Protein backbone atom coordinates (compact mmCIF):
# COMPACT_ATOMS: atom_id res chain seq x y z
CA MET A 1 15.36 28.77 -16.98
CA GLU A 2 12.49 28.18 -14.64
CA ALA A 3 8.88 27.07 -14.82
CA LYS A 4 6.45 26.63 -11.93
CA ARG A 5 7.65 23.27 -10.65
CA VAL A 6 10.85 22.69 -12.62
CA SER A 7 13.92 24.46 -13.89
CA LEU A 8 16.68 23.76 -16.36
CA ARG A 9 20.32 23.87 -15.41
CA ALA A 10 23.51 22.75 -17.11
CA LEU A 11 23.80 18.98 -17.34
CA GLY A 12 26.74 18.09 -15.13
CA ALA A 13 28.86 15.05 -14.35
CA GLU A 14 26.73 14.54 -11.23
CA ASP A 15 23.74 13.84 -13.54
CA LEU A 16 25.39 11.14 -15.62
CA GLU A 17 24.55 8.14 -13.45
CA ARG A 18 20.79 8.87 -13.55
CA THR A 19 20.95 9.76 -17.23
CA LEU A 20 22.65 6.44 -18.03
CA VAL A 21 19.81 4.58 -16.30
CA TRP A 22 17.26 6.52 -18.35
CA VAL A 23 18.99 6.06 -21.71
CA ASN A 24 18.86 2.32 -21.07
CA ASP A 25 15.23 2.31 -19.85
CA PRO A 26 12.90 0.80 -22.51
CA GLU A 27 10.09 3.13 -21.39
CA VAL A 28 12.30 6.10 -22.28
CA THR A 29 14.07 4.73 -25.35
CA ARG A 30 10.73 3.81 -26.89
CA PHE A 31 10.39 7.54 -27.58
CA THR A 32 13.99 8.77 -27.92
CA GLY A 33 15.51 6.70 -30.68
CA THR A 34 18.20 5.01 -28.62
CA VAL A 35 18.48 1.51 -30.06
CA TYR A 36 21.45 -0.17 -28.42
CA PRO A 37 22.22 -0.47 -24.72
CA ILE A 38 24.71 2.22 -23.69
CA SER A 39 27.70 1.30 -21.52
CA GLY A 40 29.11 3.54 -18.82
CA SER A 41 32.24 4.22 -20.86
CA GLU A 42 30.21 5.10 -23.97
CA HIS A 43 28.12 7.42 -21.85
CA GLN A 44 31.21 9.16 -20.46
CA LEU A 45 32.55 9.60 -24.00
CA TRP A 46 29.18 11.07 -25.12
CA TYR A 47 29.34 13.56 -22.27
CA GLN A 48 32.91 14.61 -23.05
CA GLU A 49 31.98 15.16 -26.71
CA LEU A 50 28.86 17.09 -25.66
CA LEU A 51 30.97 19.54 -23.67
CA LYS A 52 32.96 20.43 -26.82
CA ASP A 53 30.11 20.50 -29.35
CA ARG A 54 28.72 23.99 -30.09
CA SER A 55 25.83 22.45 -32.05
CA ARG A 56 24.36 20.68 -28.98
CA ARG A 57 23.30 21.87 -25.54
CA MET A 58 21.79 19.59 -22.89
CA PHE A 59 20.20 20.63 -19.63
CA ALA A 60 19.07 18.75 -16.54
CA VAL A 61 15.38 19.05 -15.68
CA VAL A 62 15.22 19.67 -11.94
CA THR A 63 12.21 19.98 -9.63
CA SER A 64 11.85 22.92 -7.25
CA GLU A 65 13.09 20.51 -4.55
CA GLY A 66 16.28 19.92 -6.53
CA LYS A 67 15.52 16.42 -7.86
CA HIS A 68 16.90 15.62 -11.34
CA ILE A 69 13.95 14.09 -13.24
CA GLY A 70 14.92 14.32 -16.90
CA ASN A 71 16.92 16.05 -19.61
CA MET A 72 16.06 18.64 -22.24
CA GLY A 73 18.21 20.09 -24.95
CA LEU A 74 18.87 21.40 -28.39
CA LYS A 75 20.74 19.62 -31.13
CA ASP A 76 21.82 20.50 -34.64
CA ILE A 77 22.01 24.15 -33.59
CA ASP A 78 22.58 26.18 -36.72
CA TRP A 79 24.00 29.54 -35.59
CA ILE A 80 23.68 31.06 -39.09
CA ALA A 81 20.04 30.12 -39.78
CA ARG A 82 19.33 30.42 -36.01
CA LYS A 83 17.44 27.14 -35.73
CA ALA A 84 17.67 23.96 -33.66
CA GLU A 85 15.91 20.69 -32.94
CA MET A 86 14.47 20.31 -29.44
CA ILE A 87 14.95 16.98 -27.70
CA GLY A 88 14.17 15.75 -24.23
CA TYR A 89 12.38 13.43 -21.86
CA ILE A 90 11.20 13.02 -18.31
CA GLY A 91 13.27 10.04 -17.21
CA ASP A 92 11.98 9.54 -13.68
CA PRO A 93 8.77 7.48 -13.96
CA GLU A 94 7.29 9.15 -10.86
CA PHE A 95 7.12 12.47 -12.76
CA ARG A 96 5.83 11.30 -16.16
CA GLY A 97 2.35 12.25 -17.31
CA LYS A 98 1.97 15.02 -14.71
CA GLY A 99 2.66 18.11 -16.81
CA TYR A 100 6.34 18.50 -15.98
CA GLY A 101 7.26 17.95 -19.63
CA SER A 102 5.00 20.79 -20.77
CA GLU A 103 6.44 23.17 -18.19
CA VAL A 104 10.03 22.45 -19.06
CA PHE A 105 9.32 22.49 -22.78
CA GLU A 106 7.88 26.00 -22.47
CA ALA A 107 10.91 27.11 -20.45
CA MET A 108 13.23 25.69 -23.11
CA VAL A 109 11.34 27.46 -25.92
CA GLU A 110 11.55 30.77 -24.06
CA PHE A 111 15.27 30.27 -23.41
CA ALA A 112 15.99 29.35 -27.04
CA PHE A 113 14.14 32.39 -28.41
CA GLU A 114 14.92 35.00 -25.78
CA ARG A 115 18.43 34.10 -24.59
CA MET A 116 19.92 32.28 -27.57
CA ASN A 117 18.18 34.47 -30.15
CA LEU A 118 17.09 31.48 -32.23
CA HIS A 119 14.51 32.07 -34.94
CA ARG A 120 13.09 28.57 -35.46
CA LEU A 121 12.67 25.46 -33.33
CA TYR A 122 11.49 22.08 -34.47
CA GLY A 123 10.96 18.63 -33.12
CA ILE A 124 10.57 15.17 -34.57
CA VAL A 125 8.13 13.07 -32.54
CA TYR A 126 7.24 9.45 -33.15
CA SER A 127 3.69 9.26 -34.47
CA TYR A 128 2.63 6.89 -31.69
CA ASN A 129 3.71 9.38 -29.00
CA GLU A 130 0.46 11.38 -28.97
CA PRO A 131 1.05 12.87 -25.47
CA SER A 132 4.33 14.45 -26.66
CA ILE A 133 2.76 15.69 -29.88
CA LYS A 134 -0.01 17.39 -27.88
CA CYS A 135 2.54 18.86 -25.44
CA VAL A 136 4.58 20.34 -28.28
CA GLU A 137 1.46 21.74 -29.95
CA ARG A 138 0.39 23.40 -26.67
CA CYS A 139 3.72 25.23 -26.77
CA GLY A 140 2.85 26.82 -30.12
CA PHE A 141 4.42 24.30 -32.48
CA ARG A 142 2.49 23.34 -35.61
CA ARG A 143 2.54 20.10 -37.53
CA GLU A 144 4.64 20.66 -40.62
CA GLY A 145 4.60 17.19 -42.06
CA VAL A 146 4.96 13.48 -41.62
CA LEU A 147 8.23 11.66 -42.17
CA LYS A 148 7.06 8.34 -43.59
CA ASP A 149 8.67 5.16 -42.24
CA HIS A 150 11.22 7.37 -40.49
CA PHE A 151 12.37 4.89 -37.86
CA PHE A 152 12.34 1.18 -37.10
CA ARG A 153 11.08 -0.07 -33.74
CA ASP A 154 9.50 -3.29 -32.51
CA GLY A 155 9.93 -5.08 -35.81
CA ARG A 156 8.38 -2.48 -38.08
CA TYR A 157 8.73 1.02 -39.52
CA HIS A 158 6.91 3.97 -37.97
CA ASP A 159 6.17 7.49 -39.10
CA ALA A 160 7.39 10.58 -37.29
CA VAL A 161 5.64 13.92 -37.04
CA LEU A 162 7.66 17.06 -37.79
CA LEU A 163 6.55 20.03 -35.71
CA GLY A 164 7.99 23.53 -35.76
CA VAL A 165 7.59 27.07 -34.56
CA ILE A 166 8.99 30.41 -35.66
CA ARG A 167 9.90 32.83 -32.86
CA GLU A 168 7.07 35.25 -33.65
CA GLU A 169 4.53 32.37 -33.51
CA GLY A 170 5.79 30.86 -30.23
CA SER A 171 3.96 30.59 -26.94
CA GLY A 172 4.01 34.14 -25.70
CA THR A 173 7.47 34.95 -27.13
């Protein structure tokens, strides 16, 4: 799965150290839902469970130079209804806000529709994460609703925006 400047490859054990840093980075967790600090042993256990779970697939986001800069994946894959929730982030601060997220998101959408034969993709984005909402909308997703008081962060409840796309409506798919 390739875009102009990035590609997706299987998330491997060699990616876990960087991923652990990112899942404990407040600038990342502000948008991902991770609440508690994650220990190395918890992270290893998560990875081992991920390898066995047919309802989740995670990929490393890698630049054309081979640098691992983030992770993208699908969770709650429903193989009967052919739908999944897209999740991901650019973890390396040097690469945030420069369009890498849009490129890899488009590559993931194409992979999910064309290779996995999924019918529907959706995402749940925190309402205060306007850059991600715009990125997802550029990839053909439409706002389907607002999940009121969906999560608790920084001492208060926040809404989340539900966005989705059907294969036939997707970006060029």
